[in-house]
Amino acid sequence: MGFAIGIEEEKLQEKAIRGIPQKVAADCWFTSTGKMIPKMIKYEDADGCRHLLKNIEVLKSDKKYYAGIQMYRYDCRAIVNDRVQYFILCYHPDSNVWDMRIP
């Protein structure tokens, strides 16, 4: 039997991200201090069409724990079809997988 105290308790209390995760391929920039910044993503929609999003603006980035599993969350926006689209990118370091969620 184990007990969570202190910072571990905070790790378990993150709320789930809303939206259906959609797998994406990501191109990232790494700073000299090791900070990861997504710059471009590719994804396939429900109709099978492939899309490329460049010039992603990261509004906020956090290291989060969902159900005790580490994840990097990026709140982003980009111009899609002459409109601003807000979305969330998540990087899962345990499996090296990126996904996108549109709230």
PDB file of N, CA and C in Angstrom:
ATOM      1  N   MET A   1       0.853  -1.164   0.000  1.00  0.00           N
ATOM      2  CA  MET A   1       0.000   0.000   0.000  1.00  0.00           C
ATOM      3  C   MET A   1       0.899   1.228   0.000  1.00  0.00           C
ATOM      4  N   GLY A   2       0.576   2.239  -0.830  1.00  0.00           N
ATOM      5  CA  GLY A   2       1.371   3.455  -0.880  1.00  0.00           C
ATOM      6  C   GLY A   2       0.506   4.669  -0.663  1.00  0.00           C
ATOM      7  N   PHE A   3       1.151   5.715  -0.214  1.00  0.00           N
ATOM      8  CA  PHE A   3       0.456   6.964   0.020  1.00  0.00           C
ATOM      9  C   PHE A   3       1.144   8.078  -0.747  1.00  0.00           C
ATOM     10  N   ALA A   4       0.359   8.970  -1.330  1.00  0.00           N
ATOM     11  CA  ALA A   4       0.919  10.107  -2.050  1.00  0.00           C
ATOM     12  C   ALA A   4       0.901  11.329  -1.149  1.00  0.00           C
ATOM     13  N   ILE A   5       2.037  12.016  -1.072  1.00  0.00           N
ATOM     14  CA  ILE A   5       2.099  13.244  -0.284  1.00  0.00           C
ATOM     15  C   ILE A   5       2.823  14.309  -1.086  1.00  0.00           C
ATOM     16  N   GLY A   6       2.615  15.544  -0.710  1.00  0.00           N
ATOM     17  CA  GLY A   6       3.361  16.642  -1.313  1.00  0.00           C
ATOM     18  C   GLY A   6       3.148  16.779  -2.801  1.00  0.00           C
ATOM     19  N   ILE A   7       4.256  16.891  -3.536  1.00  0.00           N
ATOM     20  CA  ILE A   7       4.191  17.150  -4.976  1.00  0.00           C
ATOM     21  C   ILE A   7       3.594  15.978  -5.743  1.00  0.00           C
ATOM     22  N   GLU A   8       3.763  14.760  -5.244  1.00  0.00           N
ATOM     23  CA  GLU A   8       3.178  13.608  -5.923  1.00  0.00           C
ATOM     24  C   GLU A   8       1.663  13.708  -5.952  1.00  0.00           C
ATOM     25  N   GLU A   9       1.086  14.252  -4.906  1.00  0.00           N
ATOM     26  CA  GLU A   9      -0.361  14.414  -4.858  1.00  0.00           C
ATOM     27  C   GLU A   9      -0.819  15.379  -5.942  1.00  0.00           C
ATOM     28  N   GLU A  10      -0.035  16.449  -6.190  1.00  0.00           N
ATOM     29  CA  GLU A  10      -0.377  17.392  -7.246  1.00  0.00           C
ATOM     30  C   GLU A  10      -0.334  16.736  -8.619  1.00  0.00           C
ATOM     31  N   LYS A  11       0.586  15.814  -8.829  1.00  0.00           N
ATOM     32  CA  LYS A  11       0.716  15.127 -10.110  1.00  0.00           C
ATOM     33  C   LYS A  11      -0.552  14.360 -10.456  1.00  0.00           C
ATOM     34  N   LEU A  12      -1.219  13.828  -9.452  1.00  0.00           N
ATOM     35  CA  LEU A  12      -2.396  13.003  -9.681  1.00  0.00           C
ATOM     36  C   LEU A  12      -3.672  13.825  -9.870  1.00  0.00           C
ATOM     37  N   GLN A  13      -3.621  15.127  -9.640  1.00  0.00           N
ATOM     38  CA  GLN A  13      -4.837  15.919  -9.617  1.00  0.00           C
ATOM     39  C   GLN A  13      -5.111  16.702 -10.894  1.00  0.00           C
ATOM     40  N   GLU A  14      -4.331  16.550 -11.959  1.00  0.00           N
ATOM     41  CA  GLU A  14      -4.597  17.254 -13.211  1.00  0.00           C
ATOM     42  C   GLU A  14      -5.889  16.745 -13.839  1.00  0.00           C
ATOM     43  N   LYS A  15      -6.668  17.658 -14.372  1.00  0.00           N
ATOM     44  CA  LYS A  15      -7.890  17.270 -15.064  1.00  0.00           C
ATOM     45  C   LYS A  15      -7.544  16.805 -16.470  1.00  0.00           C
ATOM     46  N   ALA A  16      -8.317  15.883 -16.979  1.00  0.00           N
ATOM     47  CA  ALA A  16      -8.090  15.353 -18.328  1.00  0.00           C
ATOM     48  C   ALA A  16      -8.315  16.442 -19.371  1.00  0.00           C
ATOM     49  N   ILE A  17      -7.574  16.358 -20.474  1.00  0.00           N
ATOM     50  CA  ILE A  17      -7.725  17.306 -21.561  1.00  0.00           C
ATOM     51  C   ILE A  17      -8.933  16.892 -22.394  1.00  0.00           C
ATOM     52  N   ARG A  18      -9.812  17.843 -22.664  1.00  0.00           N
ATOM     53  CA  ARG A  18     -11.004  17.545 -23.465  1.00  0.00           C
ATOM     54  C   ARG A  18     -10.648  17.439 -24.936  1.00  0.00           C
ATOM     55  N   GLY A  19     -11.423  16.683 -25.650  1.00  0.00           N
ATOM     56  CA  GLY A  19     -11.212  16.512 -27.079  1.00  0.00           C
ATOM     57  C   GLY A  19     -10.646  15.138 -27.396  1.00  0.00           C
ATOM     58  N   ILE A  20     -10.822  14.741 -28.626  1.00  0.00           N
ATOM     59  CA  ILE A  20     -10.339  13.434 -29.077  1.00  0.00           C
ATOM     60  C   ILE A  20      -8.907  13.594 -29.570  1.00  0.00           C
ATOM     61  N   PRO A  21      -7.959  12.823 -29.016  1.00  0.00           N
ATOM     62  CA  PRO A  21      -6.570  12.961 -29.471  1.00  0.00           C
ATOM     63  C   PRO A  21      -6.405  12.485 -30.908  1.00  0.00           C
ATOM     64  N   GLN A  22      -5.672  13.264 -31.678  1.00  0.00           N
ATOM     65  CA  GLN A  22      -5.392  12.937 -33.076  1.00  0.00           C
ATOM     66  C   GLN A  22      -3.875  12.901 -33.225  1.00  0.00           C
ATOM     67  N   LYS A  23      -3.345  11.769 -33.671  1.00  0.00           N
ATOM     68  CA  LYS A  23      -1.898  11.633 -33.789  1.00  0.00           C
ATOM     69  C   LYS A  23      -1.355  12.575 -34.851  1.00  0.00           C
ATOM     70  N   VAL A  24      -0.201  13.171 -34.559  1.00  0.00           N
ATOM     71  CA  VAL A  24       0.446  14.098 -35.482  1.00  0.00           C
ATOM     72  C   VAL A  24       1.940  13.805 -35.543  1.00  0.00           C
ATOM     73  N   ALA A  25       2.554  14.232 -36.644  1.00  0.00           N
ATOM     74  CA  ALA A  25       4.005  14.234 -36.761  1.00  0.00           C
ATOM     75  C   ALA A  25       4.434  15.669 -36.480  1.00  0.00           C
ATOM     76  N   ALA A  26       5.465  15.847 -35.672  1.00  0.00           N
ATOM     77  CA  ALA A  26       5.877  17.188 -35.260  1.00  0.00           C
ATOM     78  C   ALA A  26       7.336  17.455 -35.590  1.00  0.00           C
ATOM     79  N   ASP A  27       7.613  18.715 -35.928  1.00  0.00           N
ATOM     80  CA  ASP A  27       8.971  19.201 -36.128  1.00  0.00           C
ATOM     81  C   ASP A  27       9.206  20.219 -35.019  1.00  0.00           C
ATOM     82  N   CYS A  28      10.286  20.017 -34.255  1.00  0.00           N
ATOM     83  CA  CYS A  28      10.529  20.857 -33.082  1.00  0.00           C
ATOM     84  C   CYS A  28      11.882  21.542 -33.143  1.00  0.00           C
ATOM     85  N   TRP A  29      11.955  22.644 -32.438  1.00  0.00           N
ATOM     86  CA  TRP A  29      13.194  23.371 -32.232  1.00  0.00           C
ATOM     87  C   TRP A  29      13.583  23.154 -30.779  1.00  0.00           C
ATOM     88  N   PHE A  30      14.866  22.894 -30.550  1.00  0.00           N
ATOM     89  CA  PHE A  30      15.370  22.741 -29.190  1.00  0.00           C
ATOM     90  C   PHE A  30      16.320  23.892 -28.896  1.00  0.00           C
ATOM     91  N   THR A  31      16.082  24.597 -27.803  1.00  0.00           N
ATOM     92  CA  THR A  31      16.950  25.700 -27.423  1.00  0.00           C
ATOM     93  C   THR A  31      18.232  25.161 -26.807  1.00  0.00           C
ATOM     94  N   SER A  32      19.187  26.040 -26.546  1.00  0.00           N
ATOM     95  CA  SER A  32      20.455  25.623 -25.951  1.00  0.00           C
ATOM     96  C   SER A  32      20.283  25.107 -24.527  1.00  0.00           C
ATOM     97  N   THR A  33      19.160  25.445 -23.903  1.00  0.00           N
ATOM     98  CA  THR A  33      18.892  24.963 -22.542  1.00  0.00           C
ATOM     99  C   THR A  33      18.031  23.703 -22.531  1.00  0.00           C
ATOM    100  N   GLY A  34      17.681  23.192 -23.717  1.00  0.00           N
ATOM    101  CA  GLY A  34      16.911  21.954 -23.808  1.00  0.00           C
ATOM    102  C   GLY A  34      15.413  22.135 -23.881  1.00  0.00           C
ATOM    103  N   LYS A  35      14.933  23.363 -23.970  1.00  0.00           N
ATOM    104  CA  LYS A  35      13.494  23.609 -24.085  1.00  0.00           C
ATOM    105  C   LYS A  35      13.023  23.194 -25.477  1.00  0.00           C
ATOM    106  N   MET A  36      11.921  22.464 -25.541  1.00  0.00           N
ATOM    107  CA  MET A  36      11.369  21.954 -26.794  1.00  0.00           C
ATOM    108  C   MET A  36      10.236  22.879 -27.263  1.00  0.00           C
ATOM    109  N   ILE A  37      10.313  23.332 -28.529  1.00  0.00           N
ATOM    110  CA  ILE A  37       9.306  24.233 -29.078  1.00  0.00           C
ATOM    111  C   ILE A  37       8.810  23.658 -30.404  1.00  0.00           C
ATOM    112  N   PRO A  38       7.537  23.230 -30.483  1.00  0.00           N
ATOM    113  CA  PRO A  38       7.007  22.726 -31.759  1.00  0.00           C
ATOM    114  C   PRO A  38       6.876  23.857 -32.780  1.00  0.00           C
ATOM    115  N   LYS A  39       7.334  23.611 -34.012  1.00  0.00           N
ATOM    116  CA  LYS A  39       7.299  24.609 -35.070  1.00  0.00           C
ATOM    117  C   LYS A  39       6.372  24.233 -36.219  1.00  0.00           C
ATOM    118  N   MET A  40       6.154  22.932 -36.436  1.00  0.00           N
ATOM    119  CA  MET A  40       5.346  22.479 -37.562  1.00  0.00           C
ATOM    120  C   MET A  40       4.747  21.115 -37.209  1.00  0.00           C
ATOM    121  N   ILE A  41       3.525  20.866 -37.686  1.00  0.00           N
ATOM    122  CA  ILE A  41       2.922  19.542 -37.518  1.00  0.00           C
ATOM    123  C   ILE A  41       2.271  19.104 -38.822  1.00  0.00           C
ATOM    124  N   LYS A  42       2.186  17.793 -38.986  1.00  0.00           N
ATOM    125  CA  LYS A  42       1.448  17.185 -40.093  1.00  0.00           C
ATOM    126  C   LYS A  42       0.443  16.226 -39.472  1.00  0.00           C
ATOM    127  N   TYR A  43      -0.766  16.223 -40.044  1.00  0.00           N
ATOM    128  CA  TYR A  43      -1.795  15.311 -39.552  1.00  0.00           C
ATOM    129  C   TYR A  43      -2.728  14.932 -40.683  1.00  0.00           C
ATOM    130  N   GLU A  44      -3.480  13.874 -40.451  1.00  0.00           N
ATOM    131  CA  GLU A  44      -4.449  13.385 -41.433  1.00  0.00           C
ATOM    132  C   GLU A  44      -5.839  13.520 -40.823  1.00  0.00           C
ATOM    133  N   ASP A  45      -6.762  14.129 -41.581  1.00  0.00           N
ATOM    134  CA  ASP A  45      -8.119  14.302 -41.056  1.00  0.00           C
ATOM    135  C   ASP A  45      -8.961  13.043 -41.275  1.00  0.00           C
ATOM    136  N   ALA A  46     -10.226  13.101 -40.881  1.00  0.00           N
ATOM    137  CA  ALA A  46     -11.116  11.938 -40.963  1.00  0.00           C
ATOM    138  C   ALA A  46     -11.355  11.492 -42.402  1.00  0.00           C
ATOM    139  N   ASP A  47     -11.228  12.417 -43.366  1.00  0.00           N
ATOM    140  CA  ASP A  47     -11.424  12.084 -44.782  1.00  0.00           C
ATOM    141  C   ASP A  47     -10.164  11.539 -45.444  1.00  0.00           C
ATOM    142  N   GLY A  48      -9.076  11.471 -44.698  1.00  0.00           N
ATOM    143  CA  GLY A  48      -7.825  10.963 -45.248  1.00  0.00           C
ATOM    144  C   GLY A  48      -6.951  12.019 -45.895  1.00  0.00           C
ATOM    145  N   CYS A  49      -7.352  13.285 -45.814  1.00  0.00           N
ATOM    146  CA  CYS A  49      -6.542  14.374 -46.374  1.00  0.00           C
ATOM    147  C   CYS A  49      -5.439  14.750 -45.389  1.00  0.00           C
ATOM    148  N   ARG A  50      -4.246  14.939 -45.920  1.00  0.00           N
ATOM    149  CA  ARG A  50      -3.115  15.322 -45.075  1.00  0.00           C
ATOM    150  C   ARG A  50      -2.987  16.841 -45.041  1.00  0.00           C
ATOM    151  N   HIS A  51      -2.674  17.347 -43.850  1.00  0.00           N
ATOM    152  CA  HIS A  51      -2.554  18.788 -43.639  1.00  0.00           C
ATOM    153  C   HIS A  51      -1.211  19.114 -43.014  1.00  0.00           C
ATOM    154  N   LEU A  52      -0.708  20.288 -43.311  1.00  0.00           N
ATOM    155  CA  LEU A  52       0.552  20.778 -42.780  1.00  0.00           C
ATOM    156  C   LEU A  52       0.294  22.127 -42.128  1.00  0.00           C
ATOM    157  N   LEU A  53       0.652  22.250 -40.858  1.00  0.00           N
ATOM    158  CA  LEU A  53       0.515  23.519 -40.148  1.00  0.00           C
ATOM    159  C   LEU A  53       1.908  24.036 -39.832  1.00  0.00           C
ATOM    160  N   LYS A  54       2.236  25.195 -40.382  1.00  0.00           N
ATOM    161  CA  LYS A  54       3.514  25.844 -40.102  1.00  0.00           C
ATOM    162  C   LYS A  54       3.262  27.091 -39.269  1.00  0.00           C
ATOM    163  N   ASN A  55       4.327  27.692 -38.817  1.00  0.00           N
ATOM    164  CA  ASN A  55       4.256  28.938 -38.045  1.00  0.00           C
ATOM    165  C   ASN A  55       3.335  28.806 -36.836  1.00  0.00           C
ATOM    166  N   ILE A  56       3.532  27.750 -36.094  1.00  0.00           N
ATOM    167  CA  ILE A  56       2.759  27.524 -34.871  1.00  0.00           C
ATOM    168  C   ILE A  56       3.254  28.487 -33.802  1.00  0.00           C
ATOM    169  N   GLU A  57       2.316  29.144 -33.153  1.00  0.00           N
ATOM    170  CA  GLU A  57       2.652  30.026 -32.043  1.00  0.00           C
ATOM    171  C   GLU A  57       2.284  29.323 -30.741  1.00  0.00           C
ATOM    172  N   VAL A  58       3.265  29.081 -29.906  1.00  0.00           N
ATOM    173  CA  VAL A  58       3.026  28.450 -28.611  1.00  0.00           C
ATOM    174  C   VAL A  58       2.649  29.539 -27.619  1.00  0.00           C
ATOM    175  N   LEU A  59       1.435  29.452 -27.089  1.00  0.00           N
ATOM    176  CA  LEU A  59       0.937  30.444 -26.145  1.00  0.00           C
ATOM    177  C   LEU A  59       1.333  30.109 -24.714  1.00  0.00           C
ATOM    178  N   LYS A  60       1.414  28.812 -24.426  1.00  0.00           N
ATOM    179  CA  LYS A  60       1.709  28.360 -23.069  1.00  0.00           C
ATOM    180  C   LYS A  60       2.232  26.935 -23.158  1.00  0.00           C
ATOM    181  N   SER A  61       3.199  26.610 -22.329  1.00  0.00           N
ATOM    182  CA  SER A  61       3.689  25.234 -22.282  1.00  0.00           C
ATOM    183  C   SER A  61       3.891  24.823 -20.828  1.00  0.00           C
ATOM    184  N   ASP A  62       3.538  23.577 -20.544  1.00  0.00           N
ATOM    185  CA  ASP A  62       3.628  23.051 -19.183  1.00  0.00           C
ATOM    186  C   ASP A  62       4.021  21.587 -19.211  1.00  0.00           C
ATOM    187  N   LYS A  63       4.710  21.172 -18.177  1.00  0.00           N
ATOM    188  CA  LYS A  63       4.965  19.756 -17.943  1.00  0.00           C
ATOM    189  C   LYS A  63       3.865  19.298 -16.993  1.00  0.00           C
ATOM    190  N   LYS A  64       3.063  18.351 -17.415  1.00  0.00           N
ATOM    191  CA  LYS A  64       1.898  17.920 -16.639  1.00  0.00           C
ATOM    192  C   LYS A  64       1.984  16.438 -16.311  1.00  0.00           C
ATOM    193  N   TYR A  65       1.167  16.040 -15.365  1.00  0.00           N
ATOM    194  CA  TYR A  65       1.017  14.629 -15.010  1.00  0.00           C
ATOM    195  C   TYR A  65      -0.473  14.308 -15.025  1.00  0.00           C
ATOM    196  N   TYR A  66      -0.867  13.416 -15.911  1.00  0.00           N
ATOM    197  CA  TYR A  66      -2.256  12.961 -16.003  1.00  0.00           C
ATOM    198  C   TYR A  66      -2.295  11.516 -15.552  1.00  0.00           C
ATOM    199  N   ALA A  67      -2.998  11.272 -14.454  1.00  0.00           N
ATOM    200  CA  ALA A  67      -3.066   9.937 -13.848  1.00  0.00           C
ATOM    201  C   ALA A  67      -1.656   9.410 -13.559  1.00  0.00           C
ATOM    202  N   GLY A  68      -0.750  10.324 -13.180  1.00  0.00           N
ATOM    203  CA  GLY A  68       0.613   9.942 -12.837  1.00  0.00           C
ATOM    204  C   GLY A  68       1.540   9.754 -14.024  1.00  0.00           C
ATOM    205  N   ILE A  69       1.047   9.985 -15.251  1.00  0.00           N
ATOM    206  CA  ILE A  69       1.855   9.810 -16.457  1.00  0.00           C
ATOM    207  C   ILE A  69       2.315  11.184 -16.940  1.00  0.00           C
ATOM    208  N   GLN A  70       3.628  11.320 -17.166  1.00  0.00           N
ATOM    209  CA  GLN A  70       4.197  12.595 -17.583  1.00  0.00           C
ATOM    210  C   GLN A  70       3.821  12.934 -19.025  1.00  0.00           C
ATOM    211  N   MET A  71       3.533  14.231 -19.250  1.00  0.00           N
ATOM    212  CA  MET A  71       3.168  14.714 -20.576  1.00  0.00           C
ATOM    213  C   MET A  71       3.565  16.184 -20.657  1.00  0.00           C
ATOM    214  N   TYR A  72       3.976  16.619 -21.836  1.00  0.00           N
ATOM    215  CA  TYR A  72       4.242  18.030 -22.082  1.00  0.00           C
ATOM    216  C   TYR A  72       3.082  18.586 -22.888  1.00  0.00           C
ATOM    217  N   ARG A  73       2.463  19.631 -22.368  1.00  0.00           N
ATOM    218  CA  ARG A  73       1.287  20.216 -23.007  1.00  0.00           C
ATOM    219  C   ARG A  73       1.640  21.589 -23.562  1.00  0.00           C
ATOM    220  N   TYR A  74       1.238  21.834 -24.811  1.00  0.00           N
ATOM    221  CA  TYR A  74       1.483  23.098 -25.488  1.00  0.00           C
ATOM    222  C   TYR A  74       0.154  23.657 -25.972  1.00  0.00           C
ATOM    223  N   ASP A  75      -0.257  24.797 -25.438  1.00  0.00           N
ATOM    224  CA  ASP A  75      -1.442  25.495 -25.936  1.00  0.00           C
ATOM    225  C   ASP A  75      -0.969  26.374 -27.084  1.00  0.00           C
ATOM    226  N   CYS A  76      -1.519  26.152 -28.275  1.00  0.00           N
ATOM    227  CA  CYS A  76      -1.008  26.776 -29.494  1.00  0.00           C
ATOM    228  C   CYS A  76      -2.109  27.430 -30.310  1.00  0.00           C
ATOM    229  N   ARG A  77      -1.646  28.191 -31.312  1.00  0.00           N
ATOM    230  CA  ARG A  77      -2.551  28.716 -32.326  1.00  0.00           C
ATOM    231  C   ARG A  77      -1.776  28.829 -33.630  1.00  0.00           C
ATOM    232  N   ALA A  78      -2.525  28.759 -34.731  1.00  0.00           N
ATOM    233  CA  ALA A  78      -1.948  28.881 -36.072  1.00  0.00           C
ATOM    234  C   ALA A  78      -3.048  29.356 -37.011  1.00  0.00           C
ATOM    235  N   ILE A  79      -2.643  29.877 -38.155  1.00  0.00           N
ATOM    236  CA  ILE A  79      -3.592  30.323 -39.167  1.00  0.00           C
ATOM    237  C   ILE A  79      -3.943  29.128 -40.054  1.00  0.00           C
ATOM    238  N   VAL A  80      -5.239  28.796 -40.110  1.00  0.00           N
ATOM    239  CA  VAL A  80      -5.739  27.700 -40.939  1.00  0.00           C
ATOM    240  C   VAL A  80      -6.883  28.249 -41.784  1.00  0.00           C
ATOM    241  N   ASN A  81      -6.720  28.213 -43.108  1.00  0.00           N
ATOM    242  CA  ASN A  81      -7.742  28.734 -44.035  1.00  0.00           C
ATOM    243  C   ASN A  81      -8.132  30.170 -43.688  1.00  0.00           C
ATOM    244  N   ASP A  82      -7.139  31.021 -43.463  1.00  0.00           N
ATOM    245  CA  ASP A  82      -7.332  32.446 -43.159  1.00  0.00           C
ATOM    246  C   ASP A  82      -8.072  32.699 -41.846  1.00  0.00           C
ATOM    247  N   ARG A  83      -8.065  31.717 -40.960  1.00  0.00           N
ATOM    248  CA  ARG A  83      -8.692  31.869 -39.642  1.00  0.00           C
ATOM    249  C   ARG A  83      -7.709  31.408 -38.580  1.00  0.00           C
ATOM    250  N   VAL A  84      -7.814  31.977 -37.399  1.00  0.00           N
ATOM    251  CA  VAL A  84      -6.971  31.561 -36.282  1.00  0.00           C
ATOM    252  C   VAL A  84      -7.574  30.301 -35.661  1.00  0.00           C
ATOM    253  N   GLN A  85      -6.769  29.252 -35.563  1.00  0.00           N
ATOM    254  CA  GLN A  85      -7.212  27.983 -34.969  1.00  0.00           C
ATOM    255  C   GLN A  85      -6.415  27.736 -33.695  1.00  0.00           C
ATOM    256  N   TYR A  86      -7.118  27.550 -32.587  1.00  0.00           N
ATOM    257  CA  TYR A  86      -6.478  27.211 -31.317  1.00  0.00           C
ATOM    258  C   TYR A  86      -6.503  25.697 -31.164  1.00  0.00           C
ATOM    259  N   PHE A  87      -5.426  25.138 -30.634  1.00  0.00           N
ATOM    260  CA  PHE A  87      -5.343  23.698 -30.423  1.00  0.00           C
ATOM    261  C   PHE A  87      -4.328  23.388 -29.337  1.00  0.00           C
ATOM    262  N   ILE A  88      -4.354  22.160 -28.873  1.00  0.00           N
ATOM    263  CA  ILE A  88      -3.440  21.700 -27.828  1.00  0.00           C
ATOM    264  C   ILE A  88      -2.586  20.586 -28.405  1.00  0.00           C
ATOM    265  N   LEU A  89      -1.278  20.732 -28.287  1.00  0.00           N
ATOM    266  CA  LEU A  89      -0.343  19.667 -28.657  1.00  0.00           C
ATOM    267  C   LEU A  89       0.154  19.018 -27.383  1.00  0.00           C
ATOM    268  N   CYS A  90       0.235  17.706 -27.393  1.00  0.00           N
ATOM    269  CA  CYS A  90       0.736  16.963 -26.241  1.00  0.00           C
ATOM    270  C   CYS A  90       1.847  16.028 -26.683  1.00  0.00           C
ATOM    271  N   TYR A  91       2.945  16.057 -25.942  1.00  0.00           N
ATOM    272  CA  TYR A  91       4.061  15.153 -26.205  1.00  0.00           C
ATOM    273  C   TYR A  91       4.146  14.162 -25.052  1.00  0.00           C
ATOM    274  N   HIS A  92       4.187  12.882 -25.391  1.00  0.00           N
ATOM    275  CA  HIS A  92       4.267  11.805 -24.409  1.00  0.00           C
ATOM    276  C   HIS A  92       5.689  11.242 -24.445  1.00  0.00           C
ATOM    277  N   PRO A  93       6.562  11.641 -23.510  1.00  0.00           N
ATOM    278  CA  PRO A  93       7.965  11.222 -23.568  1.00  0.00           C
ATOM    279  C   PRO A  93       8.181   9.723 -23.363  1.00  0.00           C
ATOM    280  N   ASP A  94       7.263   9.038 -22.685  1.00  0.00           N
ATOM    281  CA  ASP A  94       7.438   7.596 -22.462  1.00  0.00           C
ATOM    282  C   ASP A  94       7.301   6.798 -23.755  1.00  0.00           C
ATOM    283  N   SER A  95       6.514   7.311 -24.725  1.00  0.00           N
ATOM    284  CA  SER A  95       6.330   6.610 -25.998  1.00  0.00           C
ATOM    285  C   SER A  95       6.794   7.421 -27.207  1.00  0.00           C
ATOM    286  N   ASN A  96       7.323   8.625 -26.974  1.00  0.00           N
ATOM    287  CA  ASN A  96       7.781   9.522 -28.040  1.00  0.00           C
ATOM    288  C   ASN A  96       6.702   9.778 -29.081  1.00  0.00           C
ATOM    289  N   VAL A  97       5.497  10.052 -28.641  1.00  0.00           N
ATOM    290  CA  VAL A  97       4.337  10.273 -29.511  1.00  0.00           C
ATOM    291  C   VAL A  97       3.767  11.656 -29.267  1.00  0.00           C
ATOM    292  N   TRP A  98       3.345  12.313 -30.353  1.00  0.00           N
ATOM    293  CA  TRP A  98       2.665  13.607 -30.297  1.00  0.00           C
ATOM    294  C   TRP A  98       1.194  13.394 -30.635  1.00  0.00           C
ATOM    295  N   ASP A  99       0.314  14.173 -29.996  1.00  0.00           N
ATOM    296  CA  ASP A  99      -1.080  14.205 -30.419  1.00  0.00           C
ATOM    297  C   ASP A  99      -1.606  15.639 -30.320  1.00  0.00           C
ATOM    298  N   MET A 100      -2.696  15.878 -31.035  1.00  0.00           N
ATOM    299  CA  MET A 100      -3.315  17.200 -31.093  1.00  0.00           C
ATOM    300  C   MET A 100      -4.769  17.053 -30.677  1.00  0.00           C
ATOM    301  N   ARG A 101      -5.243  18.055 -29.967  1.00  0.00           N
ATOM    302  CA  ARG A 101      -6.653  18.109 -29.583  1.00  0.00           C
ATOM    303  C   ARG A 101      -7.170  19.499 -29.868  1.00  0.00           C
ATOM    304  N   ILE A 102      -8.322  19.568 -30.505  1.00  0.00           N
ATOM    305  CA  ILE A 102      -8.945  20.844 -30.798  1.00  0.00           C
ATOM    306  C   ILE A 102     -10.105  21.009 -29.837  1.00  0.00           C
ATOM    307  N   PRO A 103     -10.006  22.001 -28.926  1.00  0.00           N
ATOM    308  CA  PRO A 103     -11.073  22.163 -27.916  1.00  0.00           C
ATOM    309  C   PRO A 103     -12.382  22.651 -28.516  1.00  0.00           C
TER     310      PRO A 103
END
